[in-house]
C-alpha atoms as a PDB file:
ATOM      1  CA  MET A   1       0.000   0.000   0.000  1.00  0.00           C
ATOM      2  CA  GLY A   2       2.596   2.537   1.034  1.00  0.00           C
ATOM      3  CA  GLU A   3       5.594   3.611  -0.972  1.00  0.00           C
ATOM      4  CA  LEU A   4       9.117   3.036   0.334  1.00  0.00           C
ATOM      5  CA  THR A   5      11.024   6.131   1.386  1.00  0.00           C
ATOM      6  CA  LYS A   6      14.788   6.678   1.112  1.00  0.00           C
ATOM      7  CA  THR A   7      15.253   5.221   4.593  1.00  0.00           C
ATOM      8  CA  GLY A   8      13.511   2.003   3.565  1.00  0.00           C
ATOM      9  CA  LYS A   9      10.437   2.565   5.740  1.00  0.00           C
ATOM     10  CA  ALA A  10       6.990   2.418   4.209  1.00  0.00           C
ATOM     11  CA  ASN A  11       5.374   5.817   3.664  1.00  0.00           C
ATOM     12  CA  PRO A  12       1.623   5.666   4.328  1.00  0.00           C
ATOM     13  CA  SER A  13      -0.526   6.216   1.298  1.00  0.00           C
ATOM     14  CA  LYS A  14      -1.625   9.844   1.258  1.00  0.00           C
ATOM     15  CA  SER A  15      -4.306   8.969  -1.285  1.00  0.00           C
ATOM     16  CA  LEU A  16      -6.319   7.231   1.469  1.00  0.00           C
ATOM     17  CA  ARG A  17      -6.289  10.391   3.569  1.00  0.00           C
ATOM     18  CA  LEU A  18      -7.108  12.578   0.580  1.00  0.00           C
ATOM     19  CA  ALA A  19     -10.040  10.360  -0.440  1.00  0.00           C
ATOM     20  CA  ALA A  20     -11.321  10.264   3.151  1.00  0.00           C
ATOM     21  CA  ARG A  21     -11.113  14.044   3.437  1.00  0.00           C
ATOM     22  CA  ILE A  22     -12.911  14.629   0.141  1.00  0.00           C
ATOM     23  CA  VAL A  23     -15.724  12.161   0.852  1.00  0.00           C
ATOM     24  CA  GLY A  24     -16.022  13.237   4.496  1.00  0.00           C
ATOM     25  CA  THR A  25     -16.226  16.911   3.554  1.00  0.00           C
ATOM     26  CA  LEU A  26     -18.888  16.126   0.965  1.00  0.00           C
ATOM     27  CA  TRP A  27     -20.936  14.242   3.591  1.00  0.00           C
ATOM     28  CA  ILE A  28     -20.660  17.168   5.999  1.00  0.00           C
ATOM     29  CA  LEU A  29     -21.709  19.717   3.359  1.00  0.00           C
ATOM     30  CA  ILE A  30     -24.590  17.553   2.105  1.00  0.00           C
ATOM     31  CA  SER A  31     -25.818  16.938   5.668  1.00  0.00           C
ATOM     32  CA  ILE A  32     -25.711  20.624   6.575  1.00  0.00           C
ATOM     33  CA  THR A  33     -27.570  21.515   3.377  1.00  0.00           C
ATOM     34  CA  LEU A  34     -30.245  18.870   4.025  1.00  0.00           C
ATOM     35  CA  PHE A  35     -30.644  19.957   7.646  1.00  0.00           C
ATOM     36  CA  ILE A  36     -31.082  23.613   6.712  1.00  0.00           C
ATOM     37  CA  GLY A  37     -33.567  22.699   3.977  1.00  0.00           C
ATOM     38  CA  TYR A  38     -35.517  20.410   6.289  1.00  0.00           C
ATOM     39  CA  TYR A  39     -35.587  23.072   9.011  1.00  0.00           C
ATOM     40  CA  LEU A  40     -36.778  25.815   6.650  1.00  0.00           C
ATOM     41  CA  GLU A  41     -39.384  23.535   5.082  1.00  0.00           C
ATOM     42  CA  GLY A  42     -40.607  22.586   8.558  1.00  0.00           C
ATOM     43  CA  LEU A  43     -41.032  26.218   9.487  1.00  0.00           C
ATOM     44  CA  GLN A  44     -43.260  26.777   6.445  1.00  0.00           C
ATOM     45  CA  ARG A  45     -45.212  23.547   6.906  1.00  0.00           C
ATOM     46  CA  ASN A  46     -45.932  24.114  10.602  1.00  0.00           C
ATOM     47  CA  LYS A  47     -46.791  27.791  10.359  1.00  0.00           C
ATOM     48  CA  GLY A  48     -49.782  28.406  12.608  1.00  0.00           C
ATOM     49  CA  THR A  49     -50.051  24.806  13.847  1.00  0.00           C
ATOM     50  CA  VAL A  50     -48.511  22.975  16.757  1.00  0.00           C
ATOM     51  CA  PRO A  51     -45.899  20.530  15.444  1.00  0.00           C
ATOM     52  CA  THR A  52     -46.031  16.939  16.617  1.00  0.00           C
ATOM     53  CA  PRO A  53     -43.119  15.989  18.834  1.00  0.00           C
ATOM     54  CA  PRO A  54     -40.654  13.523  17.319  1.00  0.00           C
ATOM     55  CA  ASP A  55     -40.145  10.126  18.902  1.00  0.00           C
ATOM     56  CA  ILE A  56     -37.144   9.468  21.131  1.00  0.00           C
ATOM     57  CA  LEU A  57     -35.456   7.027  18.710  1.00  0.00           C
ATOM     58  CA  GLY A  58     -35.637   9.609  15.931  1.00  0.00           C
ATOM     59  CA  ILE A  59     -34.031  12.225  18.154  1.00  0.00           C
ATOM     60  CA  PHE A  60     -31.301   9.810  19.247  1.00  0.00           C
ATOM     61  CA  CYS A  61     -30.663   8.860  15.606  1.00  0.00           C
ATOM     62  CA  VAL A  62     -30.177  12.530  14.682  1.00  0.00           C
ATOM     63  CA  VAL A  63     -27.854  12.997  17.669  1.00  0.00           C
ATOM     64  CA  CYS A  64     -25.796   9.969  16.570  1.00  0.00           C
ATOM     65  CA  MET A  65     -25.551  11.356  13.051  1.00  0.00           C
ATOM     66  CA  ALA A  66     -24.449  14.740  14.427  1.00  0.00           C
ATOM     67  CA  VAL A  67     -21.781  13.052  16.577  1.00  0.00           C
ATOM     68  CA  ALA A  68     -20.613  11.112  13.514  1.00  0.00           C
ATOM     69  CA  LEU A  69     -20.322  14.304  11.473  1.00  0.00           C
ATOM     70  CA  VAL A  70     -18.343  15.939  14.284  1.00  0.00           C
ATOM     71  CA  GLY A  71     -16.125  12.846  14.202  1.00  0.00           C
ATOM     72  CA  LEU A  72     -15.504  13.450  10.506  1.00  0.00           C
ATOM     73  CA  MET A  73     -14.456  17.002  11.345  1.00  0.00           C
ATOM     74  CA  ILE A  74     -12.127  15.765  14.103  1.00  0.00           C
ATOM     75  CA  ALA A  75     -10.597  13.294  11.644  1.00  0.00           C
ATOM     76  CA  TRP A  76      -9.052  16.175   9.701  1.00  0.00           C
ATOM     77  CA  TRP A  77      -6.573  16.550  12.595  1.00  0.00           C
ATOM     78  CA  ASN A  78      -6.629  13.117  14.222  1.00  0.00           C
ATOM     79  CA  GLU A  79      -7.510  10.367  11.757  1.00  0.00           C
ATOM     80  CA  GLY A  80      -7.770   7.535  14.286  1.00  0.00           C
ATOM     81  CA  LEU A  81      -9.944   9.245  16.874  1.00  0.00           C
ATOM     82  CA  GLY A  82     -12.169  11.028  14.343  1.00  0.00           C
ATOM     83  CA  GLY A  83     -12.593   7.901  12.225  1.00  0.00           C
ATOM     84  CA  LEU A  84     -13.555   5.858  15.276  1.00  0.00           C
ATOM     85  CA  ILE A  85     -16.048   8.464  16.555  1.00  0.00           C
ATOM     86  CA  SER A  86     -17.687   8.804  13.143  1.00  0.00           C
ATOM     87  CA  LEU A  87     -17.823   5.038  12.582  1.00  0.00           C
ATOM     88  CA  ILE A  88     -19.474   4.434  15.962  1.00  0.00           C
ATOM     89  CA  GLY A  89     -21.920   7.305  15.416  1.00  0.00           C
ATOM     90  CA  PHE A  90     -22.920   6.111  11.949  1.00  0.00           C
ATOM     91  CA  LEU A  91     -23.285   2.491  13.124  1.00  0.00           C
ATOM     92  CA  LEU A  92     -25.477   3.511  16.073  1.00  0.00           C
ATOM     93  CA  ALA A  93     -27.626   5.628  13.757  1.00  0.00           C
ATOM     94  CA  GLY A  94     -27.899   2.688  11.352  1.00  0.00           C
ATOM     95  CA  VAL A  95     -28.991   0.343  14.139  1.00  0.00           C
ATOM     96  CA  LEU A  96     -31.621   2.854  15.258  1.00  0.00           C
ATOM     97  CA  LEU A  97     -32.858   3.190  11.683  1.00  0.00           C
ATOM     98  CA  ILE A  98     -33.263  -0.585  11.505  1.00  0.00           C
ATOM     99  CA  ILE A  99     -34.969  -0.874  14.916  1.00  0.00           C
ATOM    100  CA  ASP A 100     -37.533   1.930  14.562  1.00  0.00           C
ATOM    101  CA  PRO A 101     -40.277   1.081  12.051  1.00  0.00           C
ATOM    102  CA  LYS A 102     -41.140   4.783  11.657  1.00  0.00           C
ATOM    103  CA  LEU A 103     -37.664   5.580  10.346  1.00  0.00           C
ATOM    104  CA  ASN A 104     -36.752   4.474   6.852  1.00  0.00           C
ATOM    105  CA  PHE A 105     -33.622   2.351   6.475  1.00  0.00           C
ATOM    106  CA  SER A 106     -32.014   1.747   3.141  1.00  0.00           C
ATOM    107  CA  PRO A 107     -28.844  -0.256   2.445  1.00  0.00           C
ATOM    108  CA  ILE A 108     -27.590   2.869   0.669  1.00  0.00           C
ATOM    109  CA  PHE A 109     -27.091   4.276   4.184  1.00  0.00           C
ATOM    110  CA  LEU A 110     -23.985   2.081   4.427  1.00  0.00           C
ATOM    111  CA  ILE A 111     -22.219   4.453   2.008  1.00  0.00           C
ATOM    112  CA  VAL A 112     -21.823   6.955   4.847  1.00  0.00           C
ATOM    113  CA  LEU A 113     -19.368   4.526   6.466  1.00  0.00           C
ATOM    114  CA  VAL A 114     -16.851   5.007   3.636  1.00  0.00           C
ATOM    115  CA  PRO A 115     -14.978   8.079   4.961  1.00  0.00           C
ATOM    116  CA  SER A 116     -14.786   6.604   8.467  1.00  0.00           C
ATOM    117  CA  ILE A 117     -13.304   3.382   7.144  1.00  0.00           C
ATOM    118  CA  LEU A 118     -10.852   5.290   4.936  1.00  0.00           C
ATOM    119  CA  TYR A 119      -9.690   7.399   7.881  1.00  0.00           C
ATOM    120  CA  LEU A 120      -9.203   4.290  10.022  1.00  0.00           C
ATOM    121  CA  ALA A 121      -7.341   2.507   7.199  1.00  0.00           C
ATOM    122  CA  TYR A 122      -4.997   5.477   6.818  1.00  0.00           C
ATOM    123  CA  TRP A 123      -4.480   5.665  10.576  1.00  0.00           C
ATOM    124  CA  ARG A 124      -3.696   1.936  10.770  1.00  0.00           C
ATOM    125  CA  GLU A 125      -1.311   2.157   7.851  1.00  0.00           C
ATOM    126  CA  THR A 126       0.421   5.151   9.430  1.00  0.00           C
ATOM    127  CA  ASN A 127       0.859   3.339  12.744  1.00  0.00           C
ATOM    128  CA  ASN A 128       2.091   0.145  11.080  1.00  0.00           C
ATOM    129  CA  SER A 129       4.737   2.009   9.072  1.00  0.00           C
ATOM    130  CA  GLN A 130       6.386   3.567  12.141  1.00  0.00           C
END
């Protein structure tokens, strides 16, 4: 995976980190855009009416997704810790999506795990090369 340096040690593949950063940044931007759109649409839809409170599993799922996105932001500076936080957050959100029949789960959701796995692969490769 890594290229050999002049000292003979393996240099971790920077392409893994670059791919993880690109995909992770895209997920963060897409999530923020969707959240803002959902919030603004909710304001228009509920104008003049009392909104129904969300269920506790839905709230916890959103919190897990937010923690996972914060983990992707942390991974810009610390690949191992950020990758682990985002992976755990996304997996917990996925489990909650499967458990709650009101929430819609799709196997496409598993795509959000890609940047977390890339960050962890880069971190592992970096630690193995030292």
